C-alpha cells in the first residue's frame, strides 16, 4: 500500500505539535507566575478614616498584621482622617481599580452621613462597595466629677438633669456620630433639656469629662472602661441587647427601661465602586480569613471590641437596613449639618 508523504511524516508532526503546545503552556505558566510574583511584591493598601492611635487605626493595623498570611503580600496602612471620612473616601476613589486598595471606616460613612450632610464628596451607592465587616463595639454613657457621686443609675442621671438643666452638658466625638445619636434618642424620649458638646474625636472629650468641664459623655465603651475601673468615670449604661462582656457590672439601657437604645458602633472594609465584583469577593474572603484568627480577637479585646466579618452581600444588607433606621432618627431630632 502506498502512503502519501504527509502520512509518512505524521508521527514527527504530532511530536512537534505536542512539544510546541507544551512550550506554550510553560510560557503561559511562567507569565502567570511573574504576574503573581508582581502582585505579591506590590503591597495591599488599607486607607484608614481615623488618625494614628484611633479606634479605626487600631482595627486597620490589627487586620493588616494578619492579612499577609492570607494574601501572601505585605500590607500598608495609610491614615487619611478628616472631614467625616470624606478625605479617605476621596483617596479610595482615586486609587487604581485593581482592588489593591481598600478603605477601613466606621459604618456611618454609608449609613448616617448621607443623611447628615447636605453635600458629600461621594455617593455611597456608587463610590463604596461593601467588602466585609471588621469589628463591632458597644457604646457607653459615662458621667464624670461634674455629676454628684450619688448618681449611679440612668434614672438617677435623668432626675439630676431635670433639677440642673443648665449643667447638662453632654459630649460626643462629633455631630452625627453614633454616640451623639444615642444621646439625642435618650434625652428626647425622656423629655429633658440638654446641651450637646461636639468634639473632634474621643480623646479630647474624655479629657474634658475627667476635668469636669462636661457632665457626661457617650463613647465606645472601650474608651471609657479604664476610667470606669478607677472610678474617675461612672459608666451608667451600655448599648447592647444584654450586658457587655467587658463591663458586666454595668446594666444595659434595655435593662433600665430603654429597649430602643440598642446601638452598635461597627467598622467595615470598602472597595472603590470601580473594582470588579470578582476581586471584591476574593478580597472579602481573604479579610474574613484574617479576621477569624485568634490573634485578632486578643488585640480587639484590649479596646473592648469583638471581631466581625461578612460577605459583601451581607454587609450591603446591613447598610440598607441601618439607612432605613437612622434617617428618621436624624429627622426627628433635627440633626444635620450645612
Protein backbone atom coordinates (compact mmCIF):
# COMPACT_ATOMS: atom_id res chain seq x y z
CA UNK A 1 0.00 0.00 0.00
CA UNK A 2 1.30 3.42 -0.90
CA UNK A 3 1.43 6.20 1.70
CA UNK A 4 1.46 9.89 0.99
CA UNK A 5 4.42 11.93 2.08
CA UNK A 6 2.16 13.63 4.70
CA UNK A 7 1.23 10.27 6.22
CA UNK A 8 4.87 9.16 6.35
CA UNK A 9 5.82 12.23 8.41
CA UNK A 10 2.67 12.35 10.59
CA UNK A 11 4.33 10.95 13.77
CA UNK A 12 7.07 13.57 13.58
CA UNK A 13 4.45 16.34 13.08
CA UNK A 14 2.46 15.16 16.08
CA UNK A 15 5.58 15.11 18.26
CA UNK A 16 6.43 18.63 17.08
CA UNK A 17 2.94 19.91 17.82
CA UNK A 18 2.94 18.31 21.27
CA UNK A 19 6.31 19.88 22.02
CA UNK A 20 5.04 23.25 20.80
CA UNK A 21 1.90 23.03 22.90
CA UNK A 22 3.96 22.11 25.94
CA UNK A 23 6.22 25.08 25.32
CA UNK A 24 3.26 27.44 25.06
CA UNK A 25 1.81 26.05 28.29
CA UNK A 26 5.16 26.54 30.00
CA UNK A 27 5.38 30.11 28.74
CA UNK A 28 1.82 30.79 29.94
CA UNK A 29 2.62 29.32 33.35
CA UNK A 30 5.77 31.42 33.62
CA UNK A 31 3.83 34.53 32.62
CA UNK A 32 1.17 33.77 35.26
CA UNK A 33 3.86 33.19 37.89
CA UNK A 34 5.50 36.51 37.01
CA UNK A 35 2.15 38.29 37.37
CA UNK A 36 1.52 36.55 40.70
CA UNK A 37 5.02 37.47 41.92
CA UNK A 38 4.40 41.08 40.90
CA UNK A 39 1.10 41.09 42.78
CA UNK A 40 2.80 39.70 45.88
CA UNK A 41 5.62 42.24 45.67
CA UNK A 42 3.17 45.15 45.49
CA UNK A 43 1.63 45.96 48.87
CA UNK A 44 -2.03 45.94 49.73
CA UNK A 45 -3.05 49.42 50.89
CA UNK A 46 -5.58 49.97 53.68
CA UNK A 47 -6.81 53.54 53.80
CA UNK A 48 -7.98 54.42 57.31
CA UNK A 49 -10.59 57.08 58.07
CA UNK A 50 -9.14 57.75 61.53
CA UNK A 51 -5.84 59.24 62.73
CA UNK A 52 -2.99 57.24 64.22
CA UNK A 53 -3.96 55.86 67.62
CA UNK A 54 -7.71 56.00 66.95
CA UNK A 55 -10.08 53.03 67.07
CA UNK A 56 -10.26 52.79 63.24
CA UNK A 57 -6.45 52.86 63.14
CA UNK A 58 -6.27 50.02 65.66
CA UNK A 59 -8.70 47.95 63.56
CA UNK A 60 -6.87 48.64 60.31
CA UNK A 61 -3.47 47.72 61.74
CA UNK A 62 -4.67 44.64 63.63
CA UNK A 63 -6.29 43.24 60.48
CA UNK A 64 -3.30 44.38 58.41
CA UNK A 65 -0.99 42.34 60.63
CA UNK A 66 -2.95 39.15 59.85
CA UNK A 67 -3.82 39.79 56.21
CA UNK A 68 -0.41 38.91 54.67
CA UNK A 69 -0.91 35.31 55.80
CA UNK A 70 -4.00 35.12 53.57
CA UNK A 71 -2.79 37.31 50.70
CA UNK A 72 0.88 36.47 50.52
CA UNK A 73 1.75 40.16 50.22
CA UNK A 74 2.61 42.90 52.64
CA UNK A 75 0.05 45.44 53.84
CA UNK A 76 0.48 49.20 54.28
CA UNK A 77 -1.92 51.29 56.40
CA UNK A 78 -2.41 54.84 55.15
CA UNK A 79 -4.21 57.17 57.57
CA UNK A 80 -6.44 59.72 55.83
CA UNK A 81 -8.52 61.28 58.65
CA UNK A 82 -10.80 64.31 58.48
CA UNK A 83 -14.00 65.71 57.02
CA UNK A 84 -16.17 62.89 58.37
CA UNK A 85 -14.45 60.27 56.25
CA UNK A 86 -14.63 62.27 53.03
CA UNK A 87 -10.85 62.58 52.70
CA UNK A 88 -10.35 58.83 52.94
CA UNK A 89 -13.20 58.10 50.52
CA UNK A 90 -11.74 60.58 48.02
CA UNK A 91 -8.42 58.73 48.24
CA UNK A 92 -10.21 55.44 47.62
CA UNK A 93 -11.94 56.86 44.55
CA UNK A 94 -8.57 58.00 43.16
CA UNK A 95 -6.88 54.63 43.78
CA UNK A 96 -6.31 52.06 40.99
CA UNK A 97 -9.37 49.93 40.26
CA UNK A 98 -7.42 46.68 40.67
CA UNK A 99 -8.53 46.04 44.25
CA UNK A 100 -5.09 46.74 45.72
CA UNK A 101 -6.58 49.50 47.92
CA UNK A 102 -9.42 49.17 50.43
CA UNK A 103 -10.88 51.56 52.99
CA UNK A 104 -11.42 50.80 56.67
CA UNK A 105 -14.03 53.17 58.11
CA UNK A 106 -16.92 53.41 60.52
CA UNK A 107 -20.24 52.24 59.11
CA UNK A 108 -21.65 55.75 59.50
CA UNK A 109 -19.96 56.85 56.26
CA UNK A 110 -22.55 54.74 54.44
CA UNK A 111 -25.48 54.72 56.87
CA UNK A 112 -25.63 58.13 58.59
CA UNK A 113 -23.50 60.71 56.77
CA UNK A 114 -25.53 60.63 53.53
CA UNK A 115 -28.48 62.00 55.53
CA UNK A 116 -26.45 64.18 57.89
CA UNK A 117 -24.53 66.27 55.37
CA UNK A 118 -26.20 68.44 52.75
CA UNK A 119 -23.19 67.90 50.47
CA UNK A 120 -20.85 64.92 50.44
CA UNK A 121 -17.81 64.35 48.25
CA UNK A 122 -19.04 60.85 47.49
CA UNK A 123 -22.15 58.80 46.81
CA UNK A 124 -22.01 55.63 48.94
CA UNK A 125 -24.23 53.74 46.50
CA UNK A 126 -21.77 54.46 43.66
CA UNK A 127 -18.34 55.02 45.20
CA UNK A 128 -18.29 52.46 48.04
CA UNK A 129 -18.51 48.71 47.50
CA UNK A 130 -19.04 46.79 50.76
CA UNK A 131 -16.35 44.13 51.21
CA UNK A 132 -16.56 42.83 54.80
CA UNK A 133 -17.33 43.83 58.34
CA UNK A 134 -14.26 44.13 60.57
CA UNK A 135 -15.35 44.72 64.17
CA UNK A 136 -18.17 45.81 66.46
CA UNK A 137 -18.28 47.60 69.78
CA UNK A 138 -20.93 48.82 72.18
CA UNK A 139 -21.35 52.39 73.37
CA UNK A 140 -21.37 53.51 76.97
CA UNK A 141 -22.78 56.59 78.69
CA UNK A 142 -20.45 57.84 81.41
CA UNK A 143 -20.63 60.67 83.93
CA UNK A 144 -17.64 62.43 85.47
CA UNK A 145 -16.83 64.54 88.53
CA UNK A 146 -19.26 67.30 87.48
CA UNK A 147 -22.09 64.93 88.49
CA UNK A 148 -22.57 64.05 92.19
CA UNK A 149 -21.31 60.62 93.26
CA UNK A 150 -24.78 59.55 94.39
CA UNK A 151 -25.82 59.46 90.71
CA UNK A 152 -25.19 55.78 89.92
CA UNK A 153 -28.00 54.79 87.54
CA UNK A 154 -29.58 56.09 84.37
CA UNK A 155 -32.71 57.06 86.30
CA UNK A 156 -30.57 58.99 88.79
CA UNK A 157 -28.91 60.89 85.96
CA UNK A 158 -32.20 61.83 84.28
CA UNK A 159 -33.54 63.05 87.64
CA UNK A 160 -30.36 65.10 88.17
CA UNK A 161 -30.72 66.70 84.72
CA UNK A 162 -34.31 67.70 85.48
CA UNK A 163 -33.09 69.54 88.58
CA UNK A 164 -29.97 71.00 86.95
CA UNK A 165 -30.79 71.62 83.27
CA UNK A 166 -28.15 74.31 82.96
CA UNK A 167 -25.44 71.82 83.90
CA UNK A 168 -26.48 69.10 81.46
CA UNK A 169 -23.58 69.47 79.04
CA UNK A 170 -23.15 66.12 77.31
CA UNK A 171 -20.26 65.44 74.94
CA UNK A 172 -19.78 63.20 71.92
CA UNK A 173 -16.94 62.60 69.43
CA UNK A 174 -18.78 64.70 66.84
CA UNK A 175 -22.12 65.80 65.42
CA UNK A 176 -23.91 62.92 63.77
CA UNK A 177 -21.71 60.22 65.28
CA UNK A 178 -23.49 57.24 66.79
CA UNK A 179 -22.76 58.42 70.36
CA UNK A 180 -24.43 61.75 69.51
CA UNK A 181 -27.45 59.96 68.02
CA UNK A 182 -27.70 57.74 71.09
CA UNK A 183 -27.75 60.80 73.35
CA UNK A 184 -30.37 62.54 71.20
CA UNK A 185 -32.66 59.50 71.30
CA UNK A 186 -32.20 59.09 75.06
CA UNK A 187 -32.91 62.69 76.09
CA UNK A 188 -35.66 63.33 73.53
CA UNK A 189 -37.69 60.38 74.80
CA UNK A 190 -37.10 61.41 78.43
CA UNK A 191 -38.16 64.97 77.61
CA UNK A 192 -35.21 66.65 79.31
CA UNK A 193 -33.22 69.69 78.21
CA UNK A 194 -29.54 69.13 77.46
CA UNK A 195 -26.67 70.77 75.63
CA UNK A 196 -24.68 68.80 73.10
CA UNK A 197 -20.94 69.45 73.04
CA UNK A 198 -19.27 68.11 69.89
CA UNK A 199 -15.57 67.21 69.95
CA UNK A 200 -13.17 66.23 67.20
CA UNK A 201 -12.87 62.67 68.45
CA UNK A 202 -13.00 60.74 71.70
CA UNK A 203 -9.73 61.63 73.48
CA UNK A 204 -10.38 65.40 73.88
CA UNK A 205 -13.92 64.63 75.04
CA UNK A 206 -12.60 62.24 77.70
CA UNK A 207 -10.15 64.90 78.86
CA UNK A 208 -12.97 67.37 79.42
CA UNK A 209 -15.14 64.74 81.12
CA UNK A 210 -12.33 63.91 83.57
CA UNK A 211 -11.75 67.63 84.14
CA UNK A 212 -15.40 68.28 85.00
CA UNK A 213 -15.96 70.58 82.05
CA UNK A 214 -18.80 68.42 80.76
CA UNK A 215 -21.21 66.35 82.83
CA UNK A 216 -21.48 63.24 80.69
CA UNK A 217 -20.19 61.60 77.55
CA UNK A 218 -21.24 58.80 75.22
CA UNK A 219 -18.39 56.90 73.60
CA UNK A 220 -17.40 53.38 72.59
CA UNK A 221 -17.16 51.57 75.91
CA UNK A 222 -13.52 50.63 75.34
CA UNK A 223 -12.55 54.30 75.65
CA UNK A 224 -14.37 54.64 78.97
CA UNK A 225 -13.50 51.30 80.56
CA UNK A 226 -10.13 52.20 82.09
CA UNK A 227 -11.55 55.34 83.72
CA UNK A 228 -14.57 53.41 84.98
CA UNK A 229 -12.18 50.93 86.60
CA UNK A 230 -10.50 53.75 88.54
CA UNK A 231 -13.92 55.32 89.36
CA UNK A 232 -12.93 58.59 87.71
CA UNK A 233 -15.85 57.92 85.36
CA UNK A 234 -19.06 56.08 86.19
CA UNK A 235 -20.46 54.25 83.18
CA UNK A 236 -24.23 54.22 83.77
CA UNK A 237 -25.37 52.10 80.83
CA UNK A 238 -24.13 50.25 77.76
CA UNK A 239 -25.89 49.94 74.43
CA UNK A 240 -26.09 46.21 73.77
CA UNK A 241 -29.16 43.96 73.92
CA UNK A 242 -27.61 42.47 77.08
CA UNK A 243 -24.76 43.42 79.38
CA UNK A 244 -21.32 43.89 77.90
CA UNK A 245 -18.72 41.18 78.43
CA UNK A 246 -16.20 43.98 79.02
CA UNK A 247 -18.33 45.85 81.62
CA UNK A 248 -20.52 43.09 83.08
CA UNK A 249 -21.27 45.10 86.23
CA UNK A 250 -22.95 47.88 84.20
CA UNK A 251 -26.64 47.37 83.25
CA UNK A 252 -27.67 47.95 79.66
CA UNK A 253 -30.10 50.64 78.53
CA UNK A 254 -32.50 47.77 77.84
CA UNK A 255 -32.36 46.66 81.47
CA UNK A 256 -33.09 50.21 82.54
CA UNK A 257 -36.26 50.55 80.51
CA UNK A 258 -34.95 51.75 77.15
CA UNK A 259 -35.21 48.81 74.71
CA UNK A 260 -34.95 51.24 71.79
CA UNK A 261 -31.35 52.09 72.67
CA UNK A 262 -29.58 49.05 71.22
CA UNK A 263 -26.75 50.60 69.21
CA UNK A 264 -23.52 49.09 67.97
CA UNK A 265 -20.61 51.02 66.52
CA UNK A 266 -19.06 48.99 63.72
CA UNK A 267 -16.23 49.24 61.25
CA UNK A 268 -16.01 47.74 57.79
CA UNK A 269 -13.87 47.45 54.69
CA UNK A 270 -14.97 49.10 51.45
CA UNK A 271 -13.61 48.95 47.90
CA UNK A 272 -13.91 51.51 45.14
CA UNK A 273 -17.04 51.29 43.06
CA UNK A 274 -14.81 50.64 40.02
CA UNK A 275 -13.37 47.37 41.33
CA UNK A 276 -14.72 44.18 39.75
CA UNK A 277 -17.16 42.02 41.72
CA UNK A 278 -14.82 39.03 41.43
CA UNK A 279 -11.97 40.99 43.00
CA UNK A 280 -14.23 42.25 45.78
CA UNK A 281 -15.33 38.68 46.56
CA UNK A 282 -11.72 37.46 46.64
CA UNK A 283 -10.66 40.33 48.92
CA UNK A 284 -13.61 39.67 51.20
CA UNK A 285 -12.59 36.02 51.51
CA UNK A 286 -9.02 36.98 52.48
CA UNK A 287 -10.29 39.52 55.02
CA UNK A 288 -12.68 37.04 56.61
CA UNK A 289 -9.84 34.56 56.99
CA UNK A 290 -7.66 37.19 58.66
CA UNK A 291 -10.43 38.42 60.97
CA UNK A 292 -11.10 34.84 62.16
CA UNK A 293 -7.60 34.44 63.61
CA UNK A 294 -7.37 34.30 67.42
CA UNK A 295 -4.55 36.87 67.47
CA UNK A 296 -7.02 39.43 66.20
CA UNK A 297 -9.55 38.66 68.94
CA UNK A 298 -6.87 39.30 71.56
CA UNK A 299 -5.93 42.64 70.01
CA UNK A 300 -9.55 43.75 69.73
CA UNK A 301 -10.40 42.72 73.30
CA UNK A 302 -7.94 45.29 74.65
CA UNK A 303 -10.08 48.01 73.07
CA UNK A 304 -13.43 46.47 74.06
CA UNK A 305 -14.17 45.28 70.54
CA UNK A 306 -15.22 41.97 69.05
CA UNK A 307 -14.23 40.73 65.58
CA UNK A 308 -16.99 40.64 62.97
CA UNK A 309 -16.84 39.66 59.32
CA UNK A 310 -19.30 39.25 56.48
CA UNK A 311 -19.74 38.64 52.79
CA UNK A 312 -20.20 41.71 50.57
CA UNK A 313 -23.91 40.96 50.19
CA UNK A 314 -24.44 40.63 53.95
CA UNK A 315 -22.73 43.96 54.55
CA UNK A 316 -24.83 45.59 51.81
CA UNK A 317 -28.00 44.35 53.51
CA UNK A 318 -26.86 45.69 56.89
CA UNK A 319 -26.11 49.11 55.40
CA UNK A 320 -29.54 49.29 53.74
CA UNK A 321 -31.28 48.32 56.98
CA UNK A 322 -29.42 50.90 59.05
CA UNK A 323 -30.06 53.62 56.49
CA UNK A 324 -33.79 52.99 56.92
CA UNK A 325 -33.36 53.17 60.70
CA UNK A 326 -31.12 56.24 61.08
CA UNK A 327 -32.67 58.57 58.51
CA UNK A 328 -35.88 59.15 60.53
CA UNK A 329 -33.83 59.46 63.75
CA UNK A 330 -31.84 62.32 62.23
CA UNK A 331 -35.01 63.99 61.00
CA UNK A 332 -36.91 63.58 64.29
CA UNK A 333 -34.06 65.11 66.27
CA UNK A 334 -33.29 67.82 63.68
CA UNK A 335 -29.66 66.69 63.43
CA UNK A 336 -27.97 67.97 60.28
CA UNK A 337 -25.03 69.98 59.03
CA UNK A 338 -24.99 72.54 56.24
